[in-house]
C-alpha atoms as a PDB file:
ATOM      1  CA  MET A   1     137.121 109.610  73.108  1.00  0.00           C
ATOM      2  CA  SER A   2     136.798 106.063  74.249  1.00  0.00           C
ATOM      3  CA  SER A   3     136.973 103.292  71.743  1.00  0.00           C
ATOM      4  CA  ASN A   4     133.926 101.505  70.814  1.00  0.00           C
ATOM      5  CA  LYS A   5     135.318  98.531  71.924  1.00  0.00           C
ATOM      6  CA  SER A   6     135.912  99.830  75.594  1.00  0.00           C
ATOM      7  CA  ARG A   7     132.453 101.609  75.987  1.00  0.00           C
ATOM      8  CA  THR A   8     130.169 100.251  78.786  1.00  0.00           C
ATOM      9  CA  ARG A   9     127.541  98.177  77.742  1.00  0.00           C
ATOM     10  CA  VAL A  10     124.841  98.035  80.493  1.00  0.00           C
ATOM     11  CA  LEU A  11     121.908  95.196  80.166  1.00  0.00           C
ATOM     12  CA  VAL A  12     119.014  95.067  82.420  1.00  0.00           C
ATOM     13  CA  HIS A  13     116.431  92.335  82.618  1.00  0.00           C
ATOM     14  CA  GLY A  14     112.845  92.224  83.673  1.00  0.00           C
ATOM     15  CA  ALA A  15     110.379  89.983  85.615  1.00  0.00           C
ATOM     16  CA  PRO A  16     110.362  87.276  86.791  1.00  0.00           C
ATOM     17  CA  GLU A  17     113.719  86.714  85.462  1.00  0.00           C
ATOM     18  CA  THR A  18     117.753  87.093  86.331  1.00  0.00           C
ATOM     19  CA  SER A  19     120.786  88.191  84.422  1.00  0.00           C
ATOM     20  CA  ALA A  20     120.811  84.488  83.014  1.00  0.00           C
ATOM     21  CA  ILE A  21     118.613  85.398  80.405  1.00  0.00           C
ATOM     22  CA  TRP A  22     121.708  87.391  78.669  1.00  0.00           C
ATOM     23  CA  ARG A  23     124.273  84.862  79.239  1.00  0.00           C
ATOM     24  CA  PRO A  24     124.144  83.379  75.639  1.00  0.00           C
ATOM     25  CA  LEU A  25     124.066  87.010  74.014  1.00  0.00           C
ATOM     26  CA  VAL A  26     127.248  87.939  76.177  1.00  0.00           C
ATOM     27  CA  GLY A  27     128.909  85.004  74.595  1.00  0.00           C
ATOM     28  CA  GLU A  28     128.074  86.170  71.203  1.00  0.00           C
ATOM     29  CA  LEU A  29     129.059  89.726  72.045  1.00  0.00           C
ATOM     30  CA  ALA A  30     132.352  88.785  73.291  1.00  0.00           C
ATOM     31  CA  ALA A  31     132.846  86.674  70.162  1.00  0.00           C
ATOM     32  CA  LEU A  32     132.421  89.895  68.074  1.00  0.00           C
ATOM     33  CA  GLY A  33     135.065  91.528  70.357  1.00  0.00           C
ATOM     34  CA  VAL A  34     132.531  93.582  72.461  1.00  0.00           C
ATOM     35  CA  GLU A  35     134.059  93.973  75.930  1.00  0.00           C
ATOM     36  CA  ASN A  36     132.686  95.861  79.386  1.00  0.00           C
ATOM     37  CA  VAL A  37     129.293  94.326  79.292  1.00  0.00           C
ATOM     38  CA  VAL A  38     127.651  94.683  82.725  1.00  0.00           C
ATOM     39  CA  LEU A  39     124.477  92.840  83.798  1.00  0.00           C
ATOM     40  CA  LEU A  40     122.577  94.745  86.618  1.00  0.00           C
ATOM     41  CA  SER A  41     119.805  92.744  88.429  1.00  0.00           C
ATOM     42  CA  PRO A  42     117.082  94.496  89.937  1.00  0.00           C
ATOM     43  CA  PRO A  43     116.628  94.048  93.682  1.00  0.00           C
ATOM     44  CA  GLY A  44     114.483  90.777  94.055  1.00  0.00           C
ATOM     45  CA  PHE A  45     115.047  89.588  90.655  1.00  0.00           C
ATOM     46  CA  GLY A  46     118.378  87.510  91.142  1.00  0.00           C
ATOM     47  CA  ALA A  47     119.832  90.011  93.403  1.00  0.00           C
ATOM     48  CA  PRO A  48     118.747  90.483  97.376  1.00  0.00           C
ATOM     49  CA  LEU A  49     115.947  92.471  98.117  1.00  0.00           C
ATOM     50  CA  PRO A  50     116.950  94.872 100.767  1.00  0.00           C
ATOM     51  CA  GLU A  51     114.896  95.627 104.136  1.00  0.00           C
ATOM     52  CA  GLY A  52     112.640  98.641 103.612  1.00  0.00           C
ATOM     53  CA  PHE A  53     113.320  98.630  99.594  1.00  0.00           C
ATOM     54  CA  ASP A  54     110.620 100.308  97.615  1.00  0.00           C
ATOM     55  CA  ALA A  55     109.779  97.516  95.043  1.00  0.00           C
ATOM     56  CA  ASN A  56     107.535  99.973  93.095  1.00  0.00           C
ATOM     57  CA  LEU A  57     108.372 102.318  89.715  1.00  0.00           C
ATOM     58  CA  ASP A  58     110.047 104.862  91.666  1.00  0.00           C
ATOM     59  CA  GLY A  59     112.032 102.678  93.790  1.00  0.00           C
ATOM     60  CA  TYR A  60     113.321 100.701  90.590  1.00  0.00           C
ATOM     61  CA  ARG A  61     114.321 104.076  88.931  1.00  0.00           C
ATOM     62  CA  ASP A  62     116.084 105.215  91.785  1.00  0.00           C
ATOM     63  CA  TRP A  63     118.051 102.062  91.862  1.00  0.00           C
ATOM     64  CA  LEU A  64     118.643 102.153  88.237  1.00  0.00           C
ATOM     65  CA  ILE A  65     119.961 105.682  88.142  1.00  0.00           C
ATOM     66  CA  GLY A  66     121.981 105.147  91.702  1.00  0.00           C
ATOM     67  CA  GLU A  67     123.907 102.108  89.490  1.00  0.00           C
ATOM     68  CA  LEU A  68     124.461 104.400  86.342  1.00  0.00           C
ATOM     69  CA  THR A  69     125.809 107.224  88.266  1.00  0.00           C
ATOM     70  CA  LYS A  70     128.755 104.777  89.133  1.00  0.00           C
ATOM     71  CA  PHE A  71     130.316 104.780  85.896  1.00  0.00           C
ATOM     72  CA  ASP A  72     132.877 106.944  84.662  1.00  0.00           C
ATOM     73  CA  ALA A  73     130.927 107.836  81.412  1.00  0.00           C
ATOM     74  CA  PRO A  74     127.743 107.506  79.781  1.00  0.00           C
ATOM     75  CA  VAL A  75     126.973 103.673  78.783  1.00  0.00           C
ATOM     76  CA  ASP A  76     124.826 102.219  76.010  1.00  0.00           C
ATOM     77  CA  LEU A  77     121.811 100.872  78.181  1.00  0.00           C
ATOM     78  CA  VAL A  78     119.674  97.977  76.907  1.00  0.00           C
ATOM     79  CA  GLY A  79     116.445  97.431  78.947  1.00  0.00           C
ATOM     80  CA  HIS A  80     114.458  94.098  78.482  1.00  0.00           C
ATOM     81  CA  ASP A  81     110.718  93.441  79.680  1.00  0.00           C
ATOM     82  CA  PHE A  82     110.440  95.584  83.229  1.00  0.00           C
ATOM     83  CA  GLY A  83     114.136  96.224  82.944  1.00  0.00           C
ATOM     84  CA  GLY A  84     112.956  98.399  79.805  1.00  0.00           C
ATOM     85  CA  ILE A  85     110.557 100.160  81.563  1.00  0.00           C
ATOM     86  CA  HIS A  86     113.102 100.974  84.444  1.00  0.00           C
ATOM     87  CA  ALA A  87     115.573 101.990  81.356  1.00  0.00           C
ATOM     88  CA  ALA A  88     112.653 104.413  80.210  1.00  0.00           C
ATOM     89  CA  TRP A  89     112.634 106.357  83.096  1.00  0.00           C
ATOM     90  CA  VAL A  90     116.365 107.024  82.687  1.00  0.00           C
ATOM     91  CA  MET A  91     115.782 107.589  79.196  1.00  0.00           C
ATOM     92  CA  MET A  92     113.225 110.382  80.047  1.00  0.00           C
ATOM     93  CA  GLU A  93     114.739 111.791  83.332  1.00  0.00           C
ATOM     94  CA  ARG A  94     118.203 111.153  83.205  1.00  0.00           C
ATOM     95  CA  PRO A  95     119.433 110.894  79.644  1.00  0.00           C
ATOM     96  CA  GLY A  96     122.868 112.229  80.527  1.00  0.00           C
ATOM     97  CA  LEU A  97     123.939 109.151  82.191  1.00  0.00           C
ATOM     98  CA  ILE A  98     123.621 107.289  78.699  1.00  0.00           C
ATOM     99  CA  ARG A  99     124.989 107.491  75.458  1.00  0.00           C
ATOM    100  CA  SER A 100     122.351 105.229  73.849  1.00  0.00           C
ATOM    101  CA  TRP A 101     119.635 103.010  74.376  1.00  0.00           C
ATOM    102  CA  VAL A 102     117.916  99.921  73.369  1.00  0.00           C
ATOM    103  CA  ASN A 103     114.621  98.764  74.586  1.00  0.00           C
ATOM    104  CA  ASP A 104     111.737  96.251  73.797  1.00  0.00           C
ATOM    105  CA  VAL A 105     108.680  97.492  75.880  1.00  0.00           C
ATOM    106  CA  LEU A 106     108.021 101.027  74.738  1.00  0.00           C
ATOM    107  CA  GLY A 107     104.525 100.019  73.819  1.00  0.00           C
ATOM    108  CA  VAL A 108     103.494  99.866  77.419  1.00  0.00           C
ATOM    109  CA  LEU A 109     103.937 103.549  77.518  1.00  0.00           C
ATOM    110  CA  GLU A 110     101.081 104.037  74.874  1.00  0.00           C
ATOM    111  CA  PRO A 111      98.064 105.498  76.141  1.00  0.00           C
ATOM    112  CA  ASP A 112      95.854 102.628  74.805  1.00  0.00           C
ATOM    113  CA  TYR A 113      97.938  99.803  76.063  1.00  0.00           C
ATOM    114  CA  GLU A 114      96.293  97.306  78.325  1.00  0.00           C
ATOM    115  CA  TRP A 115      98.536  94.905  80.815  1.00  0.00           C
ATOM    116  CA  HIS A 116      98.651  91.337  79.793  1.00  0.00           C
ATOM    117  CA  GLU A 117      96.543  88.959  81.674  1.00  0.00           C
ATOM    118  CA  THR A 118      99.094  87.668  84.073  1.00  0.00           C
ATOM    119  CA  ALA A 119      99.769  91.215  84.991  1.00  0.00           C
ATOM    120  CA  LYS A 120      96.239  91.945  85.554  1.00  0.00           C
ATOM    121  CA  ILE A 121      96.337  88.996  87.833  1.00  0.00           C
ATOM    122  CA  TRP A 122      99.345  89.973  89.832  1.00  0.00           C
ATOM    123  CA  GLN A 123      97.821  93.537  90.166  1.00  0.00           C
ATOM    124  CA  THR A 124      94.813  92.011  91.943  1.00  0.00           C
ATOM    125  CA  PRO A 125      94.869  91.747  95.653  1.00  0.00           C
ATOM    126  CA  GLU A 126      94.384  88.174  97.080  1.00  0.00           C
ATOM    127  CA  VAL A 127      93.955  86.862  93.384  1.00  0.00           C
ATOM    128  CA  GLY A 128      97.691  87.703  92.613  1.00  0.00           C
ATOM    129  CA  GLU A 129      98.844  86.339  96.192  1.00  0.00           C
ATOM    130  CA  ALA A 130      97.182  82.722  95.185  1.00  0.00           C
ATOM    131  CA  PHE A 131      98.342  82.701  91.819  1.00  0.00           C
ATOM    132  CA  SER A 132     101.973  83.889  93.068  1.00  0.00           C
ATOM    133  CA  LYS A 133     101.953  80.791  95.613  1.00  0.00           C
ATOM    134  CA  GLU A 134     101.568  78.364  92.301  1.00  0.00           C
ATOM    135  CA  VAL A 135     104.603  80.107  90.805  1.00  0.00           C
ATOM    136  CA  PHE A 136     107.039  80.896  93.552  1.00  0.00           C
ATOM    137  CA  THR A 137     106.693  77.717  95.482  1.00  0.00           C
ATOM    138  CA  GLY A 138     107.346  74.167  94.884  1.00  0.00           C
ATOM    139  CA  THR A 139     110.442  72.541  93.608  1.00  0.00           C
ATOM    140  CA  VAL A 140     113.077  74.191  91.398  1.00  0.00           C
ATOM    141  CA  ALA A 141     112.132  71.464  88.787  1.00  0.00           C
ATOM    142  CA  HIS A 142     108.468  72.741  88.808  1.00  0.00           C
ATOM    143  CA  ARG A 143     109.407  76.310  88.762  1.00  0.00           C
ATOM    144  CA  ALA A 144     111.977  75.919  85.995  1.00  0.00           C
ATOM    145  CA  ASP A 145     108.801  73.651  84.123  1.00  0.00           C
ATOM    146  CA  LEU A 146     106.818  77.095  84.514  1.00  0.00           C
ATOM    147  CA  LEU A 147     109.224  79.146  82.899  1.00  0.00           C
ATOM    148  CA  ARG A 148     109.883  76.889  80.013  1.00  0.00           C
ATOM    149  CA  LYS A 149     106.094  76.940  79.498  1.00  0.00           C
ATOM    150  CA  ALA A 150     106.200  80.654  79.557  1.00  0.00           C
ATOM    151  CA  GLY A 151     108.946  80.409  76.927  1.00  0.00           C
ATOM    152  CA  ILE A 152     112.314  80.685  78.527  1.00  0.00           C
ATOM    153  CA  PRO A 153     114.177  77.744  76.802  1.00  0.00           C
ATOM    154  CA  SER A 154     116.582  75.170  78.900  1.00  0.00           C
ATOM    155  CA  PRO A 155     118.890  75.631  80.249  1.00  0.00           C
ATOM    156  CA  THR A 156     118.080  79.102  81.009  1.00  0.00           C
ATOM    157  CA  ALA A 157     114.809  78.170  82.822  1.00  0.00           C
ATOM    158  CA  ASP A 158     116.919  76.028  85.103  1.00  0.00           C
ATOM    159  CA  GLN A 159     119.339  78.666  85.754  1.00  0.00           C
ATOM    160  CA  VAL A 160     116.572  81.144  86.679  1.00  0.00           C
ATOM    161  CA  ALA A 161     114.138  78.857  88.550  1.00  0.00           C
ATOM    162  CA  PRO A 162     116.234  79.225  91.837  1.00  0.00           C
ATOM    163  CA  ALA A 163     115.577  82.779  92.023  1.00  0.00           C
ATOM    164  CA  LEU A 164     111.671  82.691  91.836  1.00  0.00           C
ATOM    165  CA  ASN A 165     111.549  82.887  95.656  1.00  0.00           C
ATOM    166  CA  ALA A 166     109.735  84.766  98.292  1.00  0.00           C
ATOM    167  CA  ASP A 167     112.152  87.964  97.675  1.00  0.00           C
ATOM    168  CA  MET A 168     110.824  87.760  94.024  1.00  0.00           C
ATOM    169  CA  GLU A 169     107.265  87.273  94.736  1.00  0.00           C
ATOM    170  CA  ARG A 170     107.167  90.249  97.279  1.00  0.00           C
ATOM    171  CA  ALA A 171     108.916  92.308  94.729  1.00  0.00           C
ATOM    172  CA  ILE A 172     107.007  91.353  91.539  1.00  0.00           C
ATOM    173  CA  LEU A 173     103.489  91.997  93.386  1.00  0.00           C
ATOM    174  CA  SER A 174     104.577  95.319  94.560  1.00  0.00           C
ATOM    175  CA  LEU A 175     105.925  96.394  91.124  1.00  0.00           C
ATOM    176  CA  TYR A 176     103.269  95.272  89.069  1.00  0.00           C
ATOM    177  CA  ARG A 177     100.799  96.920  91.507  1.00  0.00           C
ATOM    178  CA  SER A 178     102.567 100.259  91.371  1.00  0.00           C
ATOM    179  CA  ALA A 179     102.451 100.294  87.284  1.00  0.00           C
ATOM    180  CA  ALA A 180      98.624  99.389  87.217  1.00  0.00           C
ATOM    181  CA  GLN A 181      96.767 101.612  84.465  1.00  0.00           C
ATOM    182  CA  PRO A 182      96.428 104.650  84.007  1.00  0.00           C
ATOM    183  CA  VAL A 183      99.872 104.956  85.652  1.00  0.00           C
ATOM    184  CA  MET A 184     101.734 103.962  82.711  1.00  0.00           C
ATOM    185  CA  ALA A 185      99.715 105.566  80.158  1.00  0.00           C
ATOM    186  CA  GLU A 186     100.423 108.949  82.217  1.00  0.00           C
ATOM    187  CA  ARG A 187     103.958 108.614  82.575  1.00  0.00           C
ATOM    188  CA  GLY A 188     104.078 107.860  79.048  1.00  0.00           C
ATOM    189  CA  ARG A 189     103.297 111.289  77.729  1.00  0.00           C
ATOM    190  CA  SER A 190     106.923 112.175  78.541  1.00  0.00           C
ATOM    191  CA  LEU A 191     108.472 109.433  76.316  1.00  0.00           C
ATOM    192  CA  PRO A 192     109.312 112.011  73.552  1.00  0.00           C
ATOM    193  CA  LYS A 193     112.006 113.095  75.942  1.00  0.00           C
ATOM    194  CA  ALA A 194     113.762 109.826  75.322  1.00  0.00           C
ATOM    195  CA  GLY A 195     114.862 111.343  71.918  1.00  0.00           C
ATOM    196  CA  THR A 196     117.736 113.540  73.282  1.00  0.00           C
ATOM    197  CA  ARG A 197     120.015 110.142  73.108  1.00  0.00           C
ATOM    198  CA  PRO A 198     120.199 107.993  70.069  1.00  0.00           C
ATOM    199  CA  GLY A 199     117.662 104.563  70.403  1.00  0.00           C
ATOM    200  CA  LEU A 200     117.053 101.292  68.931  1.00  0.00           C
ATOM    201  CA  ALA A 201     113.467 100.000  69.522  1.00  0.00           C
ATOM    202  CA  VAL A 202     113.281  96.102  69.291  1.00  0.00           C
ATOM    203  CA  ILE A 203     109.844  94.816  68.224  1.00  0.00           C
ATOM    204  CA  GLY A 204     109.360  90.949  68.363  1.00  0.00           C
ATOM    205  CA  THR A 205     106.132  90.461  66.161  1.00  0.00           C
ATOM    206  CA  ALA A 206     105.237  87.072  68.330  1.00  0.00           C
ATOM    207  CA  ASP A 207     105.656  88.818  71.515  1.00  0.00           C
ATOM    208  CA  HIS A 208     101.973  89.956  72.774  1.00  0.00           C
ATOM    209  CA  ALA A 209     102.798  90.896  76.329  1.00  0.00           C
ATOM    210  CA  VAL A 210     104.110  94.470  75.855  1.00  0.00           C
ATOM    211  CA  GLY A 211     101.496  95.812  73.279  1.00  0.00           C
ATOM    212  CA  SER A 212     100.722  95.466  69.653  1.00  0.00           C
ATOM    213  CA  VAL A 213     103.376  95.886  66.622  1.00  0.00           C
ATOM    214  CA  ASP A 214     101.086  99.085  65.741  1.00  0.00           C
ATOM    215  CA  GLN A 215     101.639 100.321  69.412  1.00  0.00           C
ATOM    216  CA  ARG A 216     105.134  99.331  69.703  1.00  0.00           C
ATOM    217  CA  ARG A 217     106.106 101.285  66.455  1.00  0.00           C
ATOM    218  CA  ARG A 218     103.957 104.517  67.408  1.00  0.00           C
ATOM    219  CA  ALA A 219     105.822 104.633  71.002  1.00  0.00           C
ATOM    220  CA  ALA A 220     109.165 104.183  68.967  1.00  0.00           C
ATOM    221  CA  GLU A 221     108.619 107.102  66.984  1.00  0.00           C
ATOM    222  CA  ARG A 222     107.322 109.132  69.806  1.00  0.00           C
ATOM    223  CA  ALA A 223     110.276 108.149  71.641  1.00  0.00           C
ATOM    224  CA  GLY A 224     112.665 109.585  68.797  1.00  0.00           C
ATOM    225  CA  ALA A 225     114.111 105.971  68.102  1.00  0.00           C
ATOM    226  CA  LYS A 226     117.017 106.037  65.901  1.00  0.00           C
ATOM    227  CA  GLU A 227     116.169 102.723  64.537  1.00  0.00           C
ATOM    228  CA  ILE A 228     113.341 100.246  64.730  1.00  0.00           C
ATOM    229  CA  GLN A 229     114.162  96.602  64.356  1.00  0.00           C
ATOM    230  CA  VAL A 230     111.064  94.519  63.504  1.00  0.00           C
ATOM    231  CA  MET A 231     112.042  90.958  64.317  1.00  0.00           C
ATOM    232  CA  GLU A 232     109.739  88.753  62.502  1.00  0.00           C
ATOM    233  CA  GLY A 233     108.250  85.988  64.693  1.00  0.00           C
ATOM    234  CA  SER A 234     110.696  86.590  67.548  1.00  0.00           C
ATOM    235  CA  ASP A 235     108.657  86.227  70.853  1.00  0.00           C
ATOM    236  CA  HIS A 236     109.402  87.904  74.439  1.00  0.00           C
ATOM    237  CA  TRP A 237     112.861  86.418  74.797  1.00  0.00           C
ATOM    238  CA  TRP A 238     114.418  87.455  71.695  1.00  0.00           C
ATOM    239  CA  MET A 239     117.966  87.232  73.260  1.00  0.00           C
ATOM    240  CA  LEU A 240     117.560  83.790  73.786  1.00  0.00           C
ATOM    241  CA  GLU A 241     115.952  82.478  70.462  1.00  0.00           C
ATOM    242  CA  ASP A 242     118.872  83.570  68.556  1.00  0.00           C
ATOM    243  CA  PRO A 243     121.723  84.985  70.638  1.00  0.00           C
ATOM    244  CA  LYS A 244     123.980  85.490  67.489  1.00  0.00           C
ATOM    245  CA  ARG A 245     121.244  87.464  65.594  1.00  0.00           C
ATOM    246  CA  ALA A 246     120.775  89.336  68.372  1.00  0.00           C
ATOM    247  CA  ALA A 247     124.311  90.217  68.939  1.00  0.00           C
ATOM    248  CA  LEU A 248     124.828  91.296  65.531  1.00  0.00           C
ATOM    249  CA  MET A 249     121.596  93.485  65.730  1.00  0.00           C
ATOM    250  CA  LEU A 250     123.152  95.447  68.720  1.00  0.00           C
ATOM    251  CA  THR A 251     126.614  95.827  67.681  1.00  0.00           C
ATOM    252  CA  ALA A 252     125.207  97.165  64.097  1.00  0.00           C
ATOM    253  CA  PHE A 253     123.410  99.566  66.037  1.00  0.00           C
ATOM    254  CA  TRP A 254     126.128 100.540  68.599  1.00  0.00           C
ATOM    255  CA  ALA A 255     128.487 101.262  65.346  1.00  0.00           C
ATOM    256  CA  THR A 256     126.141 104.142  64.386  1.00  0.00           C
ATOM    257  CA  VAL A 257     126.245 105.771  67.618  1.00  0.00           C
END
């Protein structure tokens, strides 16, 4: 059996983000002796968007499954935001690819979840396109300022901003529209299948984009989460708010798997 130190940890981010959101956390994990951390960037989100790629729920599910099959052994999978949604399909459909999971968006799979207002804008034809022009055009400084207003602090906002381009715009509109309700509620019926692997559900109490605390707790219980970590006062980007705390949380969980 491989040592806990040598096991592969795979971190997947969401939208509109790049792998830069993980950098402070990766530094703290390294300080704790955690090696073999792999950052996977979904196509269009800090990685090229290939011609003909299906930028929808199924396309990203298949992409992530394809990436995970390249590893020699099951990995510890951490999914944030839409990366958590991509990870959820793996948790439910291909659990043999993972040793454990960490997820912060399970509330979106509850039957009574309603998408946040920005998501609803992106899901609306013409309205979404008009809104996206404000987000994905203009100077890099302007895009970085929008990210800071959304809650991503400096310097990460400045690192993510250049990737807010035409590829990400096309990907985000397609992805959010493929996930409009009742799609998520219907797919969420299979959430109990995630219980075949030990999981940690992360709940930031100030994060209102991915469901209420109650919805996320219910979803975590349906997913058979081994642990539920309620982070009082934490918002959507908990890994940036306190990277050391986040690293300690993850390593403590991995030590129990």
